[in-house]
N, C-alpha and C. Protein backbone atom coordinates (compact mmCIF):
# COMPACT_ATOMS: atom_id res chain seq x y z
N MET A 1 1.20 -0.91 0.07
CA MET A 1 0.26 -0.41 -0.30
C MET A 1 1.05 1.17 -0.21
N GLU A 2 0.43 1.99 -0.39
CA GLU A 2 1.11 3.63 -0.69
C GLU A 2 1.14 4.35 1.00
N SER A 3 1.87 5.18 0.85
CA SER A 3 2.55 5.72 2.23
C SER A 3 2.26 7.49 2.29
N ARG A 4 1.29 7.55 0.99
CA ARG A 4 0.91 8.95 1.20
C ARG A 4 0.08 9.39 2.01
N PRO A 5 -0.08 10.59 2.77
CA PRO A 5 -1.20 10.52 3.63
C PRO A 5 -2.81 10.71 2.94
N TRP A 6 -3.80 10.72 3.78
CA TRP A 6 -4.77 11.06 3.30
C TRP A 6 -5.51 12.45 3.59
N HIS A 7 -6.54 12.46 2.72
CA HIS A 7 -7.03 14.38 3.73
C HIS A 7 -8.38 13.76 3.97
N VAL A 8 -8.90 14.69 4.38
CA VAL A 8 -10.06 14.38 5.08
C VAL A 8 -11.09 15.34 4.47
N LEU A 9 -12.15 14.79 3.69
CA LEU A 9 -13.36 15.65 2.96
C LEU A 9 -14.46 15.32 3.60
N HIS A 10 -14.47 16.92 4.36
CA HIS A 10 -16.20 17.46 4.65
C HIS A 10 -17.50 17.14 3.87
N VAL A 11 -18.16 16.21 4.07
CA VAL A 11 -19.32 15.65 3.41
C VAL A 11 -20.76 16.08 3.77
N LEU A 12 -21.81 16.22 3.57
CA LEU A 12 -23.14 16.68 3.88
C LEU A 12 -23.32 15.38 4.63
N SER A 13 -23.93 15.51 5.86
CA SER A 13 -24.61 13.99 6.40
C SER A 13 -25.43 13.28 5.78
N ASN A 14 -25.23 12.23 5.98
CA ASN A 14 -26.23 11.31 4.94
C ASN A 14 -26.14 11.34 3.63
N ARG A 15 -24.64 12.01 3.11
CA ARG A 15 -24.53 11.85 1.87
C ARG A 15 -23.07 11.19 1.31
N GLU A 16 -22.49 10.66 2.40
CA GLU A 16 -21.39 9.99 2.52
C GLU A 16 -20.95 9.19 1.33
N LYS A 17 -22.10 8.17 0.79
CA LYS A 17 -22.34 6.76 -0.09
C LYS A 17 -22.22 7.98 -1.40
N LEU A 18 -23.01 8.67 -1.15
CA LEU A 18 -23.25 9.25 -2.51
C LEU A 18 -21.81 10.04 -3.14
N VAL A 19 -21.18 10.46 -2.09
CA VAL A 19 -20.11 11.22 -2.56
C VAL A 19 -19.20 10.11 -3.11
N SER A 20 -18.93 9.27 -2.30
CA SER A 20 -17.89 8.23 -2.50
C SER A 20 -18.37 7.43 -4.01
N GLN A 21 -19.51 7.37 -4.57
CA GLN A 21 -20.03 6.88 -5.96
C GLN A 21 -19.49 7.63 -6.96
N HIS A 22 -19.80 9.08 -6.44
CA HIS A 22 -18.94 10.33 -7.54
C HIS A 22 -17.67 10.48 -7.70
N LEU A 23 -16.88 9.87 -6.58
CA LEU A 23 -15.41 9.50 -6.67
C LEU A 23 -15.45 8.40 -7.10
N ASN A 24 -15.46 7.75 -7.19
CA ASN A 24 -15.83 6.58 -8.41
C ASN A 24 -15.65 6.79 -9.48
N VAL A 25 -16.89 7.42 -10.05
CA VAL A 25 -16.58 7.97 -11.33
C VAL A 25 -15.80 8.57 -11.80
N ARG A 26 -15.57 9.68 -11.25
CA ARG A 26 -14.39 10.37 -11.51
C ARG A 26 -12.38 9.40 -10.88
N SER A 27 -12.54 8.41 -10.98
CA SER A 27 -11.31 7.83 -10.82
C SER A 27 -10.56 8.09 -9.36
N ILE A 28 -10.91 8.74 -8.64
CA ILE A 28 -10.16 9.71 -7.32
C ILE A 28 -10.37 8.50 -6.12
N GLU A 29 -9.04 8.15 -5.63
CA GLU A 29 -8.64 7.36 -5.00
C GLU A 29 -9.60 8.27 -3.63
N HIS A 30 -10.23 7.32 -3.03
CA HIS A 30 -10.84 7.25 -1.53
C HIS A 30 -11.24 6.53 -0.85
N TYR A 31 -11.53 6.54 0.01
CA TYR A 31 -11.79 5.58 1.28
C TYR A 31 -12.98 6.01 2.16
N LEU A 32 -14.11 5.18 2.29
CA LEU A 32 -15.10 5.38 3.25
C LEU A 32 -15.67 4.26 4.13
N PRO A 33 -14.93 4.41 5.10
CA PRO A 33 -15.00 3.08 6.30
C PRO A 33 -16.66 2.95 6.40
N LEU A 34 -17.28 2.13 6.31
CA LEU A 34 -18.75 1.54 6.33
C LEU A 34 -18.34 0.26 7.74
N TYR A 35 -19.72 0.37 8.71
CA TYR A 35 -19.51 -0.42 9.18
C TYR A 35 -21.26 -0.99 9.22
N LYS A 36 -21.18 -2.64 9.60
CA LYS A 36 -23.01 -3.15 9.60
C LYS A 36 -23.44 -2.89 10.99
N GLU A 37 -24.55 -2.46 10.53
CA GLU A 37 -25.52 -2.04 12.01
C GLU A 37 -26.80 -2.85 11.72
N ARG A 38 -27.21 -3.57 12.92
CA ARG A 38 -28.92 -4.29 12.47
C ARG A 38 -29.83 -3.12 12.98
N VAL A 39 -31.02 -2.96 12.14
CA VAL A 39 -31.63 -1.83 12.45
C VAL A 39 -33.19 -2.71 12.37
N LYS A 40 -34.13 -1.92 13.70
CA LYS A 40 -35.43 -2.53 13.38
C LYS A 40 -36.60 -1.38 13.04
N TRP A 41 -36.87 -1.61 11.62
CA TRP A 41 -37.93 -1.33 11.45
C TRP A 41 -39.37 -1.35 11.49
N THR A 42 -40.45 -0.66 11.13
CA THR A 42 -41.47 -1.06 11.87
C THR A 42 -41.66 -2.55 11.38
N ASP A 43 -41.47 -3.05 9.77
CA ASP A 43 -41.68 -4.30 9.90
C ASP A 43 -41.44 -5.40 9.58
N ARG A 44 -39.67 -4.89 9.88
CA ARG A 44 -38.95 -5.88 10.22
C ARG A 44 -37.63 -5.54 10.18
N THR A 45 -36.79 -6.09 10.54
CA THR A 45 -35.10 -6.01 10.89
C THR A 45 -34.19 -5.71 9.66
N VAL A 46 -33.46 -5.19 9.73
CA VAL A 46 -32.23 -5.36 7.94
C VAL A 46 -31.21 -4.82 8.80
N ILE A 47 -29.95 -5.34 7.88
CA ILE A 47 -28.91 -4.95 8.51
C ILE A 47 -28.33 -3.83 7.19
N THR A 48 -27.94 -2.64 7.72
CA THR A 48 -27.53 -1.51 6.88
C THR A 48 -25.93 -1.31 6.98
N GLU A 49 -25.43 -0.35 6.27
CA GLU A 49 -23.86 -0.12 6.30
C GLU A 49 -24.13 1.54 6.68
N ARG A 50 -23.42 1.93 7.15
CA ARG A 50 -23.28 3.38 7.85
C ARG A 50 -21.73 3.34 8.06
N PRO A 51 -21.66 4.88 7.79
CA PRO A 51 -20.31 5.66 8.20
C PRO A 51 -19.62 5.33 9.23
N LEU A 52 -18.28 5.25 9.63
CA LEU A 52 -17.91 5.09 10.38
C LEU A 52 -17.42 6.70 11.27
N PHE A 53 -17.59 7.36 10.32
CA PHE A 53 -17.29 8.98 10.77
C PHE A 53 -18.63 9.62 9.78
N SER A 54 -19.79 9.90 10.39
CA SER A 54 -20.45 10.71 9.79
C SER A 54 -19.84 12.04 9.31
N GLY A 55 -20.02 12.28 7.74
CA GLY A 55 -20.17 13.58 7.35
C GLY A 55 -18.44 13.49 7.06
N TYR A 56 -17.76 12.58 6.94
CA TYR A 56 -16.33 12.48 6.76
C TYR A 56 -16.08 11.14 5.50
N LEU A 57 -14.95 11.55 4.42
CA LEU A 57 -14.14 10.19 4.42
C LEU A 57 -12.88 11.10 4.08
N PHE A 58 -12.48 9.71 3.61
CA PHE A 58 -11.10 10.18 3.24
C PHE A 58 -10.06 10.09 1.70
N VAL A 59 -9.85 10.81 1.49
CA VAL A 59 -9.36 11.33 -0.14
C VAL A 59 -7.71 11.27 -0.46
N ARG A 60 -6.91 10.71 -0.96
CA ARG A 60 -5.93 11.13 -1.62
C ARG A 60 -5.80 11.79 -2.95
N VAL A 61 -5.28 12.91 -2.83
CA VAL A 61 -5.60 14.18 -3.77
C VAL A 61 -3.83 14.50 -3.67
N THR A 62 -4.07 15.07 -5.28
CA THR A 62 -2.77 15.91 -6.09
C THR A 62 -3.39 17.02 -6.32
N PRO A 63 -2.41 18.16 -6.04
CA PRO A 63 -2.82 19.18 -6.27
C PRO A 63 -3.98 19.53 -7.36
N LYS A 64 -3.60 18.83 -8.44
CA LYS A 64 -4.70 19.33 -9.55
C LYS A 64 -5.93 18.50 -9.72
N GLU A 65 -5.86 17.67 -8.56
CA GLU A 65 -7.47 17.34 -8.15
C GLU A 65 -8.27 17.78 -7.14
N ARG A 66 -7.93 18.56 -6.85
CA ARG A 66 -8.50 19.15 -5.89
C ARG A 66 -9.88 20.02 -6.20
N LEU A 67 -9.46 20.52 -7.39
CA LEU A 67 -10.72 21.22 -7.92
C LEU A 67 -11.76 20.24 -8.24
N PRO A 68 -11.93 19.25 -9.21
CA PRO A 68 -12.87 17.95 -9.02
C PRO A 68 -13.29 17.32 -7.69
N ILE A 69 -12.98 17.36 -7.01
CA ILE A 69 -13.11 17.09 -5.44
C ILE A 69 -13.82 17.94 -4.98
N ILE A 70 -13.54 19.41 -4.68
CA ILE A 70 -14.61 20.17 -4.02
C ILE A 70 -15.71 20.33 -4.72
N SER A 71 -15.89 20.22 -6.19
CA SER A 71 -16.94 20.69 -7.03
C SER A 71 -17.98 19.41 -7.09
N THR A 72 -17.31 18.07 -6.28
CA THR A 72 -18.63 17.28 -6.26
C THR A 72 -20.11 17.72 -5.42
N PRO A 73 -21.10 16.98 -6.26
CA PRO A 73 -22.12 17.24 -5.37
C PRO A 73 -22.00 16.47 -3.91
N GLY A 74 -22.83 17.00 -2.71
CA GLY A 74 -22.69 16.71 -1.71
C GLY A 74 -21.39 17.04 -0.61
N VAL A 75 -20.14 17.73 -1.35
CA VAL A 75 -18.71 17.59 -0.66
C VAL A 75 -19.27 19.72 -0.09
N LEU A 76 -18.83 19.54 0.94
CA LEU A 76 -18.70 20.74 2.33
C LEU A 76 -17.06 21.65 1.65
N ARG A 77 -16.10 20.49 2.18
CA ARG A 77 -15.01 21.36 2.01
C ARG A 77 -13.55 20.61 1.90
N LEU A 78 -12.25 20.32 1.74
CA LEU A 78 -11.71 19.41 2.57
C LEU A 78 -10.63 19.97 2.68
N LEU A 79 -10.58 19.61 4.00
CA LEU A 79 -10.03 20.55 5.31
C LEU A 79 -8.30 19.81 4.89
N GLY A 80 -8.12 21.26 5.87
CA GLY A 80 -6.65 21.47 5.85
C GLY A 80 -5.80 22.15 3.91
N ASP A 81 -4.79 21.78 4.37
CA ASP A 81 -3.94 22.13 3.02
C ASP A 81 -2.86 20.93 3.10
N GLU A 82 -2.20 21.00 2.35
CA GLU A 82 -0.85 20.01 1.84
C GLU A 82 -0.33 19.23 3.07
N GLU A 83 -0.04 20.29 3.99
CA GLU A 83 0.60 19.49 5.06
C GLU A 83 -0.32 19.39 6.54
N THR A 84 -1.56 20.12 7.04
CA THR A 84 -2.24 20.03 8.09
C THR A 84 -3.52 19.34 7.66
N SER A 85 -3.90 18.71 8.46
CA SER A 85 -5.26 17.65 8.52
C SER A 85 -5.53 16.72 7.75
N THR A 86 -4.02 15.91 7.83
CA THR A 86 -4.21 14.76 7.22
C THR A 86 -3.94 13.49 7.95
N VAL A 87 -4.40 12.49 7.46
CA VAL A 87 -4.61 11.41 8.05
C VAL A 87 -3.29 10.31 7.73
N SER A 88 -2.23 9.66 8.55
CA SER A 88 -2.04 8.60 7.65
C SER A 88 -1.90 7.38 7.07
N ALA A 89 -1.32 7.12 6.70
CA ALA A 89 -1.66 5.90 5.79
C ALA A 89 -1.89 4.72 6.34
N GLU A 90 -1.34 4.95 7.50
CA GLU A 90 -0.93 3.70 8.45
C GLU A 90 -2.39 3.45 9.54
N GLU A 91 -2.60 4.77 9.58
CA GLU A 91 -3.60 4.57 10.66
C GLU A 91 -5.22 4.49 9.58
N VAL A 92 -5.26 4.67 8.13
CA VAL A 92 -6.39 4.39 7.50
C VAL A 92 -6.33 3.19 7.29
N ASN A 93 -5.30 2.49 6.95
CA ASN A 93 -4.96 1.08 7.26
C ASN A 93 -5.60 0.20 7.84
N ARG A 94 -5.13 0.92 9.16
CA ARG A 94 -5.42 0.30 10.58
C ARG A 94 -6.55 -0.13 10.61
N ILE A 95 -7.41 1.21 10.33
CA ILE A 95 -9.20 0.84 10.29
C ILE A 95 -9.95 -0.13 9.45
N ARG A 96 -8.84 0.55 7.81
CA ARG A 96 -9.53 -0.67 6.88
C ARG A 96 -9.23 -2.41 7.54
N GLU A 97 -7.95 -2.25 7.89
CA GLU A 97 -7.92 -3.64 7.78
C GLU A 97 -8.93 -4.33 9.63
N GLY A 98 -9.06 -3.10 10.32
CA GLY A 98 -10.39 -3.54 11.29
C GLY A 98 -11.27 -4.02 11.09
N LEU A 99 -11.97 -3.09 9.77
CA LEU A 99 -13.49 -3.51 9.27
C LEU A 99 -13.06 -4.50 8.59
N LEU A 100 -12.18 -5.06 7.73
CA LEU A 100 -12.27 -6.05 7.19
C LEU A 100 -12.16 -7.68 7.54
N LYS A 101 -11.39 -7.61 9.06
CA LYS A 101 -11.73 -8.77 9.99
C LYS A 101 -12.62 -8.64 10.74
N GLY A 102 -13.33 -7.70 10.70
CA GLY A 102 -14.57 -8.14 11.47
C GLY A 102 -14.81 -7.35 12.86
N LEU A 103 -13.65 -6.89 13.08
CA LEU A 103 -13.72 -6.22 14.41
C LEU A 103 -14.92 -5.07 14.64
N VAL A 104 -15.47 -5.10 15.62
CA VAL A 104 -16.86 -4.75 16.27
C VAL A 104 -16.35 -2.73 16.12
N MET A 105 -16.59 -1.76 14.95
CA MET A 105 -15.94 -0.45 16.22
C MET A 105 -17.34 0.07 15.38
N ARG A 106 -17.56 1.02 16.21
CA ARG A 106 -18.89 1.90 16.01
C ARG A 106 -18.58 3.31 16.66
N PRO A 107 -19.14 4.38 16.20
CA PRO A 107 -18.57 5.82 15.99
C PRO A 107 -19.40 6.17 17.79
N HIS A 108 -18.65 6.69 18.12
CA HIS A 108 -18.58 7.25 19.85
C HIS A 108 -18.08 8.68 19.84
N PRO A 109 -19.05 9.27 20.74
CA PRO A 109 -18.74 10.93 20.81
C PRO A 109 -17.42 10.53 21.71
N CYS A 110 -16.52 11.78 21.62
CA CYS A 110 -15.38 11.79 22.41
C CYS A 110 -15.80 11.95 23.47
N VAL A 111 -15.21 11.45 24.60
CA VAL A 111 -15.26 11.57 25.88
C VAL A 111 -13.40 12.01 26.28
N HIS A 112 -13.84 13.39 27.14
CA HIS A 112 -11.72 13.41 27.45
C HIS A 112 -12.56 14.39 29.00
N LEU A 113 -11.50 14.15 29.46
CA LEU A 113 -11.43 14.74 31.07
C LEU A 113 -11.89 16.02 31.04
N GLY A 114 -12.97 16.50 31.58
CA GLY A 114 -13.97 17.52 31.86
C GLY A 114 -14.79 17.55 30.90
N THR A 115 -15.06 16.60 30.22
CA THR A 115 -16.52 16.58 29.21
C THR A 115 -17.66 16.72 30.21
N ARG A 116 -18.74 17.51 29.74
CA ARG A 116 -20.08 17.68 30.29
C ARG A 116 -21.13 16.39 29.82
N VAL A 117 -21.64 15.50 30.62
CA VAL A 117 -22.47 14.93 29.70
C VAL A 117 -23.40 14.34 31.40
N GLN A 118 -24.30 13.23 30.46
CA GLN A 118 -25.40 12.97 31.26
C GLN A 118 -25.68 11.65 31.07
N VAL A 119 -26.45 10.96 32.34
CA VAL A 119 -26.14 9.32 32.37
C VAL A 119 -27.50 9.00 31.86
N ARG A 120 -27.21 8.43 30.42
CA ARG A 120 -28.52 7.05 29.98
C ARG A 120 -29.72 6.75 30.51
N GLU A 121 -28.71 5.81 31.56
CA GLU A 121 -29.82 5.01 32.19
C GLU A 121 -29.19 4.06 33.53
N GLY A 122 -29.84 3.84 34.18
CA GLY A 122 -29.87 3.29 35.52
C GLY A 122 -30.02 4.13 36.60
N VAL A 123 -29.93 3.99 38.04
CA VAL A 123 -30.34 4.80 39.23
C VAL A 123 -29.90 5.77 38.81
N PHE A 124 -29.34 6.55 38.45
CA PHE A 124 -28.56 8.16 38.30
C PHE A 124 -29.29 8.38 36.59
N ALA A 125 -29.75 7.75 36.05
CA ALA A 125 -30.59 8.34 34.68
C ALA A 125 -30.73 9.76 34.56
N GLY A 126 -30.54 10.51 33.70
CA GLY A 126 -30.48 12.27 33.65
C GLY A 126 -30.08 13.29 34.54
N VAL A 127 -28.99 12.73 35.17
CA VAL A 127 -28.31 13.15 36.12
C VAL A 127 -26.91 13.97 35.36
N GLN A 128 -26.66 15.17 35.36
CA GLN A 128 -25.88 15.48 34.42
C GLN A 128 -24.06 15.73 35.38
N GLY A 129 -23.40 15.63 34.88
CA GLY A 129 -21.83 15.53 35.80
C GLY A 129 -20.72 16.15 34.67
N ILE A 130 -19.01 16.13 35.06
CA ILE A 130 -18.61 16.33 34.32
C ILE A 130 -17.39 14.92 34.65
N VAL A 131 -16.88 14.97 33.64
CA VAL A 131 -15.70 13.27 33.79
C VAL A 131 -14.56 14.02 34.45
N ALA A 132 -14.52 13.01 35.35
CA ALA A 132 -13.32 13.21 36.14
C ALA A 132 -12.29 12.17 35.95
N GLU A 133 -12.75 11.21 35.80
CA GLU A 133 -11.81 10.66 35.50
C GLU A 133 -12.41 9.44 34.42
N ILE A 134 -11.13 8.59 33.63
CA ILE A 134 -11.14 7.73 32.79
C ILE A 134 -10.73 6.58 33.06
N ARG A 135 -11.06 5.34 33.13
CA ARG A 135 -10.45 4.41 33.89
C ARG A 135 -10.22 3.30 32.51
N GLN A 136 -9.40 1.83 32.72
CA GLN A 136 -9.00 1.22 31.51
C GLN A 136 -9.78 0.34 31.40
N GLU A 137 -10.78 0.00 31.90
CA GLU A 137 -12.12 -1.21 31.89
C GLU A 137 -13.27 -0.10 31.25
N CYS A 138 -12.93 0.86 30.78
CA CYS A 138 -13.28 1.74 29.73
C CYS A 138 -14.83 2.23 30.88
N LYS A 139 -14.29 2.31 31.74
CA LYS A 139 -15.50 3.05 32.84
C LYS A 139 -15.05 4.21 33.30
N VAL A 140 -16.34 5.59 33.15
CA VAL A 140 -15.63 6.82 33.71
C VAL A 140 -16.30 7.11 35.01
N VAL A 141 -15.33 7.64 35.55
CA VAL A 141 -15.85 8.26 37.24
C VAL A 141 -16.52 9.72 37.25
N LEU A 142 -17.77 9.93 37.15
CA LEU A 142 -18.34 11.03 36.99
C LEU A 142 -18.51 11.47 38.35
N SER A 143 -18.26 13.20 38.24
CA SER A 143 -18.51 13.69 39.39
C SER A 143 -20.07 14.88 39.00
N VAL A 144 -20.71 14.54 40.19
CA VAL A 144 -21.97 15.57 39.74
C VAL A 144 -22.03 16.14 41.15
N ALA A 145 -22.74 17.29 40.78
CA ALA A 145 -22.75 18.62 41.95
C ALA A 145 -23.60 18.40 42.54
N ALA A 146 -24.34 18.53 44.07
CA ALA A 146 -25.46 18.54 44.50
C ALA A 146 -25.01 19.14 45.75
N VAL A 147 -26.02 20.18 46.03
CA VAL A 147 -25.90 20.80 47.62
C VAL A 147 -24.32 21.21 47.49
N ASN A 148 -23.87 22.29 46.51
CA ASN A 148 -22.09 22.17 46.71
C ASN A 148 -20.98 21.17 46.99
N GLN A 149 -21.27 20.31 47.35
CA GLN A 149 -20.53 18.85 47.70
C GLN A 149 -20.52 17.97 46.26
N CYS A 150 -19.97 16.99 46.47
CA CYS A 150 -19.93 16.21 44.90
C CYS A 150 -19.26 14.90 45.45
N PHE A 151 -19.73 13.75 44.31
CA PHE A 151 -19.66 12.00 45.08
C PHE A 151 -19.55 11.77 43.46
N SER A 152 -18.44 11.08 43.31
CA SER A 152 -18.31 10.09 42.51
C SER A 152 -19.14 8.84 41.96
N VAL A 153 -19.26 8.55 40.77
CA VAL A 153 -20.07 6.94 40.34
C VAL A 153 -19.14 6.61 39.09
N SER A 154 -18.97 5.46 38.89
CA SER A 154 -18.50 4.80 37.96
C SER A 154 -20.18 4.46 36.79
N VAL A 155 -19.39 4.61 35.67
CA VAL A 155 -20.56 4.72 34.43
C VAL A 155 -20.37 4.28 33.41
N GLU A 156 -20.55 3.19 32.75
CA GLU A 156 -19.77 2.87 31.73
C GLU A 156 -19.92 3.89 30.31
N LEU A 157 -18.89 4.11 29.26
CA LEU A 157 -19.39 4.74 28.76
C LEU A 157 -20.48 4.64 27.83
N ARG A 158 -21.15 3.62 27.33
CA ARG A 158 -21.86 3.48 26.18
C ARG A 158 -23.25 4.20 27.17
N ASN A 159 -23.05 4.39 28.45
CA ASN A 159 -24.17 5.29 29.04
C ASN A 159 -24.20 6.32 29.44
N LEU A 160 -23.36 6.94 28.76
CA LEU A 160 -23.22 8.60 28.79
C LEU A 160 -23.91 9.01 27.51
N ILE A 161 -24.22 10.77 27.68
CA ILE A 161 -24.42 10.95 26.53
C ILE A 161 -23.68 12.28 26.82
N VAL A 162 -22.93 12.51 25.52
CA VAL A 162 -22.23 13.80 25.65
C VAL A 162 -22.97 15.11 25.59
N LEU A 163 -22.95 16.11 26.33
CA LEU A 163 -23.79 16.80 26.26
C LEU A 163 -22.41 18.23 25.57
N LYS A 164 -23.17 19.39 24.77
CA LYS A 164 -22.58 20.45 24.18
C LYS A 164 -22.08 21.33 25.01
């Protein structure tokens, strides 16, 4: 595989596959990581493919290909320039390889120390707080202020909603 870096292409949400088809027609090297998800409709359950990074896909671009890319229907912008906002070929290859090997990869909001969150379910469902610690076993210690005092509670990442 080539070692040139990939650029990030910002596209309209829910138009990632359409942009990918347009780039195929224009013979522009690109990669749209997709994962499979089981979705329950009213009358049946289906398996759909969804983008791992909603609103984004990766392209390898030369300076002369920039105009055909940004003029593609559904494309908002090409992030960065030749040196910034690139993703290494190694990182894209790891994502590609993980998906091909069947690893369970799903989009997840970024959770960092100090992120405001709300507990999704359990005894503290609906309670808001701030992430105080992230542990190895993918659990978060959540500080919740009440009456000028705090306590912490361990909550799994999947049970947190990131607040803006």
